[in-house]
Amino acid sequence: MQSGLNLGADFLGGLSTKSVEPAYTIRLSSGASATTVYGKETANRGEAGPPQMNLPLTFPLQKPEQCLACPYNLIGQGFVPDHVPSNPRLAFLAEAAGETEMMDRGPLLGATGRMFFHQLLHPVGLTREDVILANVLRCHPPENVMPIGQLRKDAEKMCRMYDKLHQIKHDDSVGLVDGGLHSYSPDYFLITVHPSFVNRTWSILRVAQEDIKKSLRLAEGRRLLVLLGDTPMKLVCSDLEGGVLKWRGHHGVLDWKKFQERFK
């Protein structure tokens, strides 16, 4: 039996109809070293970043003008830029902004965020300034109900432009500058449950805590991206069958450049 699960091009899903190689290789949580199926494990750190975008955001529900092209623009509420500290130890990708996050313009600031930090990150010595915090969708889905079907795929694709940006604050205004996940350029990933699920199902808290401990080990010498829940997992590993409870704890190599190419 193979120790790792190598997922080839025949399984690649996503939004693009172009023939591209998969951007990742996954291995079982207890398996040995993963084997890349696309021939390399690095993610081209030397690429020039995108041009700076001057997008002042002064009202909580205001969106960048680039969002006008998104078919979900009139449904999704507000806009929440990523939180990107100057020297992150690892990165987390969550699902979408909540209502508190929408009003305060920052990811994981509500009740779920408080649990995430108090129960999962603080016990292992991580603070908000140690981690990148990003969302698959940067707006707030009304009633916390994610879009479905083609609308969801199109919205997720549009939000990939903001993987290249993050927020800066000047007094009461917020602007976007180049950087963010694109500059971090993750080269490895770990799948775990979303903190909102832990909030609803406290019996899984210990499992989530073990995954966070594992993330610190995996982040040594790597640029780790932790996928929080089904939505980030399906975005990055679009061909995995089953939900996050099946795959949590699994991890593997990620080529960020190939991932971004899927959405061009």
Protein backbone atom coordinates (compact mmCIF):
# COMPACT_ATOMS: atom_id res chain seq x y z
CA MET A 1 0.00 0.00 0.00
CA GLN A 2 1.26 3.45 -0.81
CA SER A 3 2.03 5.64 2.16
CA GLY A 4 0.74 8.72 0.39
CA LEU A 5 -2.19 9.62 -1.81
CA ASN A 6 -1.00 11.32 -4.99
CA LEU A 7 -3.79 13.11 -6.82
CA GLY A 8 -3.18 13.48 -10.54
CA ALA A 9 -4.48 15.75 -13.27
CA ASP A 10 -7.47 13.51 -14.04
CA PHE A 11 -8.98 14.48 -10.71
CA LEU A 12 -8.48 18.23 -10.96
CA GLY A 13 -11.68 20.22 -10.66
CA GLY A 14 -12.15 23.95 -10.21
CA LEU A 15 -13.43 26.84 -12.24
CA SER A 16 -11.12 26.79 -15.22
CA THR A 17 -11.56 24.57 -18.25
CA LYS A 18 -7.86 24.87 -19.11
CA SER A 19 -5.75 21.74 -18.87
CA VAL A 20 -3.46 22.37 -15.92
CA GLU A 21 -1.45 20.22 -13.56
CA PRO A 22 -2.71 19.93 -9.98
CA ALA A 23 -1.33 22.45 -7.55
CA TYR A 24 -0.92 20.12 -4.61
CA THR A 25 -0.02 16.65 -3.38
CA ILE A 26 -1.67 15.31 -0.26
CA ARG A 27 -0.45 12.64 2.12
CA LEU A 28 -2.17 10.72 4.87
CA SER A 29 -1.85 12.30 8.29
CA SER A 30 0.33 9.41 9.45
CA GLY A 31 2.11 8.87 6.14
CA ALA A 32 5.70 9.42 5.06
CA SER A 33 7.00 12.05 2.69
CA ALA A 34 4.66 13.11 -0.08
CA THR A 35 5.68 12.77 -3.73
CA THR A 36 4.92 15.71 -5.94
CA VAL A 37 2.99 14.91 -9.09
CA TYR A 38 3.91 18.09 -10.92
CA GLY A 39 7.67 17.82 -10.59
CA LYS A 40 8.56 20.56 -8.12
CA GLU A 41 7.74 21.66 -4.59
CA THR A 42 8.75 25.32 -4.56
CA ALA A 43 6.47 28.27 -5.25
CA ASN A 44 8.57 30.87 -7.05
CA ARG A 45 9.28 33.38 -4.30
CA GLY A 46 11.01 35.77 -6.67
CA GLU A 47 7.93 36.82 -8.61
CA ALA A 48 7.12 40.50 -8.67
CA GLY A 49 3.96 41.36 -6.77
CA PRO A 50 0.92 42.99 -8.34
CA PRO A 51 0.75 46.77 -8.64
CA GLN A 52 -0.50 48.63 -5.60
CA MET A 53 -4.24 49.28 -5.60
CA ASN A 54 -5.39 52.46 -3.94
CA LEU A 55 -8.80 51.45 -2.64
CA PRO A 56 -9.82 53.59 0.33
CA LEU A 57 -12.53 51.91 2.37
CA THR A 58 -14.06 54.24 4.92
CA PHE A 59 -17.53 52.78 5.51
CA PRO A 60 -18.03 49.23 6.84
CA LEU A 61 -20.29 48.10 3.98
CA GLN A 62 -18.33 49.78 1.20
CA LYS A 63 -16.54 47.50 -1.28
CA PRO A 64 -13.63 48.04 -3.66
CA GLU A 65 -14.79 48.95 -7.15
CA GLN A 66 -13.31 45.68 -8.45
CA CYS A 67 -16.15 43.87 -6.64
CA LEU A 68 -18.67 45.41 -9.06
CA ALA A 69 -17.72 42.77 -11.63
CA CYS A 70 -18.61 39.93 -9.23
CA PRO A 71 -22.05 38.33 -9.73
CA TYR A 72 -22.31 37.96 -5.94
CA ASN A 73 -21.67 41.68 -5.38
CA LEU A 74 -25.27 42.67 -4.65
CA ILE A 75 -25.79 39.72 -2.29
CA GLY A 76 -22.60 39.49 -0.26
CA GLN A 77 -22.34 42.24 2.33
CA GLY A 78 -19.34 44.44 3.05
CA PHE A 79 -15.69 43.68 2.42
CA VAL A 80 -13.10 42.23 4.82
CA PRO A 81 -9.44 42.49 3.77
CA ASP A 82 -6.92 39.92 4.98
CA HIS A 83 -4.92 40.40 8.14
CA VAL A 84 -1.22 40.16 7.22
CA PRO A 85 1.44 40.84 9.89
CA SER A 86 4.99 41.73 8.92
CA ASN A 87 6.55 38.39 9.89
CA PRO A 88 3.91 35.63 9.93
CA ARG A 89 4.72 32.17 11.22
CA LEU A 90 1.85 30.53 9.32
CA ALA A 91 -1.40 31.37 7.55
CA PHE A 92 -5.05 30.41 8.00
CA LEU A 93 -7.70 30.39 5.28
CA ALA A 94 -11.29 30.49 6.60
CA GLU A 95 -14.62 30.47 4.75
CA ALA A 96 -16.16 33.95 4.71
CA ALA A 97 -16.59 37.04 6.82
CA GLY A 98 -19.13 37.03 9.65
CA GLU A 99 -21.28 40.00 10.62
CA THR A 100 -18.85 41.25 13.27
CA GLU A 101 -15.94 40.89 10.87
CA MET A 102 -17.89 42.84 8.23
CA MET A 103 -18.51 45.76 10.59
CA ASP A 104 -14.98 45.81 12.05
CA ARG A 105 -13.22 45.01 8.74
CA GLY A 106 -11.03 42.21 10.03
CA PRO A 107 -11.13 38.39 9.80
CA LEU A 108 -11.98 36.23 12.82
CA LEU A 109 -13.00 39.01 15.20
CA GLY A 110 -16.41 37.75 16.36
CA ALA A 111 -17.39 34.98 18.79
CA THR A 112 -15.83 32.33 16.54
CA GLY A 113 -12.62 34.33 16.35
CA ARG A 114 -12.45 34.74 20.11
CA MET A 115 -12.80 30.99 20.58
CA PHE A 116 -10.22 30.39 17.83
CA PHE A 117 -7.60 32.46 19.62
CA HIS A 118 -8.44 31.65 23.24
CA GLN A 119 -8.90 27.90 22.83
CA LEU A 120 -6.65 27.05 19.88
CA LEU A 121 -3.91 29.62 19.19
CA HIS A 122 -3.07 31.22 22.54
CA PRO A 123 -2.40 27.85 24.27
CA VAL A 124 0.40 27.14 21.76
CA GLY A 125 1.86 30.64 21.99
CA LEU A 126 0.39 32.18 18.83
CA THR A 127 -1.05 35.69 18.76
CA ARG A 128 -2.86 37.60 16.04
CA GLU A 129 0.42 39.16 14.95
CA ASP A 130 1.93 35.73 14.30
CA VAL A 131 -0.56 34.60 11.66
CA ILE A 132 -2.06 35.61 8.33
CA LEU A 133 -5.86 35.47 8.43
CA ALA A 134 -7.74 35.29 5.12
CA ASN A 135 -11.12 34.15 3.79
CA VAL A 136 -12.25 32.34 0.66
CA LEU A 137 -14.96 35.02 0.30
CA ARG A 138 -14.09 38.48 1.58
CA CYS A 139 -17.73 39.54 1.97
CA HIS A 140 -20.40 38.41 4.46
CA PRO A 141 -22.97 35.92 3.12
CA PRO A 142 -26.39 36.98 4.49
CA GLU A 143 -27.54 34.74 7.35
CA ASN A 144 -24.13 33.01 7.02
CA VAL A 145 -25.47 30.95 4.11
CA MET A 146 -22.81 30.44 1.47
CA PRO A 147 -23.79 30.75 -2.22
CA ILE A 148 -24.09 27.52 -4.19
CA GLY A 149 -23.50 26.27 -7.70
CA GLN A 150 -22.01 28.49 -10.39
CA LEU A 151 -22.62 31.64 -8.34
CA ARG A 152 -20.35 30.31 -5.63
CA LYS A 153 -17.65 29.29 -8.11
CA ASP A 154 -17.72 32.72 -9.75
CA ALA A 155 -17.59 34.53 -6.40
CA GLU A 156 -14.66 32.41 -5.21
CA LYS A 157 -12.84 33.07 -8.47
CA MET A 158 -13.36 36.83 -8.22
CA CYS A 159 -12.05 36.88 -4.64
CA ARG A 160 -8.74 35.38 -5.73
CA MET A 161 -7.63 38.84 -6.88
CA TYR A 162 -7.60 39.81 -3.19
CA ASP A 163 -5.17 37.01 -2.37
CA LYS A 164 -2.62 39.51 -3.69
CA LEU A 165 -3.66 42.34 -1.37
CA HIS A 166 -3.96 43.14 2.30
CA GLN A 167 -5.19 46.02 4.41
CA ILE A 168 -3.46 49.00 5.94
CA LYS A 169 -5.17 51.42 8.30
CA HIS A 170 -4.84 55.17 8.51
CA ASP A 171 -6.90 56.58 11.38
CA ASP A 172 -10.51 55.60 10.53
CA SER A 173 -9.91 54.60 6.91
CA VAL A 174 -8.73 51.34 5.39
CA GLY A 175 -6.79 50.86 2.17
CA LEU A 176 -5.49 47.89 0.23
CA VAL A 177 -1.88 47.42 -0.85
CA ASP A 178 -0.09 44.60 -2.63
CA GLY A 179 1.08 41.67 -0.55
CA GLY A 180 -0.98 39.16 1.41
CA LEU A 181 -1.14 35.45 0.70
CA HIS A 182 0.46 35.92 -2.72
CA SER A 183 3.61 37.38 -1.17
CA TYR A 184 3.60 34.75 1.57
CA SER A 185 3.36 32.12 -1.21
CA PRO A 186 2.34 29.00 0.78
CA ASP A 187 4.20 25.83 -0.12
CA TYR A 188 2.45 23.37 2.24
CA PHE A 189 -1.06 22.92 3.65
CA LEU A 190 -2.91 21.26 6.50
CA ILE A 191 -6.65 20.53 6.62
CA THR A 192 -8.62 21.02 9.83
CA VAL A 193 -12.12 21.94 10.98
CA HIS A 194 -13.48 25.47 10.97
CA PRO A 195 -13.53 27.12 14.43
CA SER A 196 -17.28 27.77 14.09
CA PHE A 197 -17.78 24.00 14.01
CA VAL A 198 -15.79 23.72 17.23
CA ASN A 199 -18.04 26.40 18.72
CA ARG A 200 -21.08 24.26 17.89
CA THR A 201 -19.50 20.88 18.69
CA TRP A 202 -17.27 21.14 21.74
CA SER A 203 -16.56 17.42 21.68
CA ILE A 204 -14.19 18.07 18.77
CA LEU A 205 -12.16 20.74 20.59
CA ARG A 206 -9.34 18.36 21.52
CA VAL A 207 -9.07 17.20 17.90
CA ALA A 208 -8.83 20.80 16.70
CA GLN A 209 -6.20 21.56 19.34
CA GLU A 210 -4.09 18.63 18.16
CA ASP A 211 -4.33 19.89 14.57
CA ILE A 212 -3.07 23.33 15.64
CA LYS A 213 -0.15 21.72 17.45
CA LYS A 214 0.59 19.75 14.30
CA SER A 215 0.47 22.97 12.27
CA LEU A 216 3.32 24.43 14.33
CA ARG A 217 5.45 21.36 13.63
CA LEU A 218 4.66 21.44 9.93
CA ALA A 219 5.37 25.19 9.71
CA GLU A 220 9.03 24.66 10.65
CA GLY A 221 10.97 25.41 7.48
CA ARG A 222 7.79 25.77 5.42
CA ARG A 223 5.22 28.42 4.53
CA LEU A 224 2.16 26.62 5.86
CA LEU A 225 -1.44 27.38 4.93
CA VAL A 226 -4.04 25.88 7.29
CA LEU A 227 -7.39 25.24 5.58
CA LEU A 228 -10.20 25.84 8.07
CA GLY A 229 -13.25 23.83 7.06
CA ASP A 230 -14.93 22.46 3.94
CA THR A 231 -14.91 25.64 1.85
CA PRO A 232 -11.14 26.31 1.95
CA MET A 233 -10.45 22.58 1.56
CA LYS A 234 -12.61 22.34 -1.57
CA LEU A 235 -11.06 25.51 -2.98
CA VAL A 236 -7.48 24.29 -2.68
CA CYS A 237 -8.08 20.54 -3.00
CA SER A 238 -11.06 20.67 -5.33
CA ASP A 239 -11.04 16.97 -6.16
CA LEU A 240 -11.18 15.52 -2.64
CA GLU A 241 -14.35 13.53 -2.03
CA GLY A 242 -16.05 13.76 1.32
CA GLY A 243 -16.11 16.47 3.95
CA VAL A 244 -13.49 17.99 6.18
CA LEU A 245 -14.04 15.43 8.96
CA LYS A 246 -12.76 12.77 6.57
CA TRP A 247 -9.64 14.72 5.63
CA ARG A 248 -8.78 16.76 8.72
CA GLY A 249 -5.23 16.18 9.87
CA HIS A 250 -4.05 15.42 6.35
CA HIS A 251 -1.41 17.64 4.82
CA GLY A 252 0.69 17.99 1.71
CA VAL A 253 2.72 20.05 -0.73
CA LEU A 254 1.12 23.11 -2.33
CA ASP A 255 2.32 24.98 -5.42
CA TRP A 256 0.78 28.43 -4.98
CA LYS A 257 1.59 29.56 -8.50
CA LYS A 258 -0.30 26.64 -10.04
CA PHE A 259 -3.17 27.21 -7.65
CA GLN A 260 -3.49 30.82 -8.79
CA GLU A 261 -3.31 29.80 -12.46
CA ARG A 262 -6.57 27.88 -12.04
CA PHE A 263 -8.45 31.16 -11.64
CA LYS A 264 -7.02 33.17 -14.53
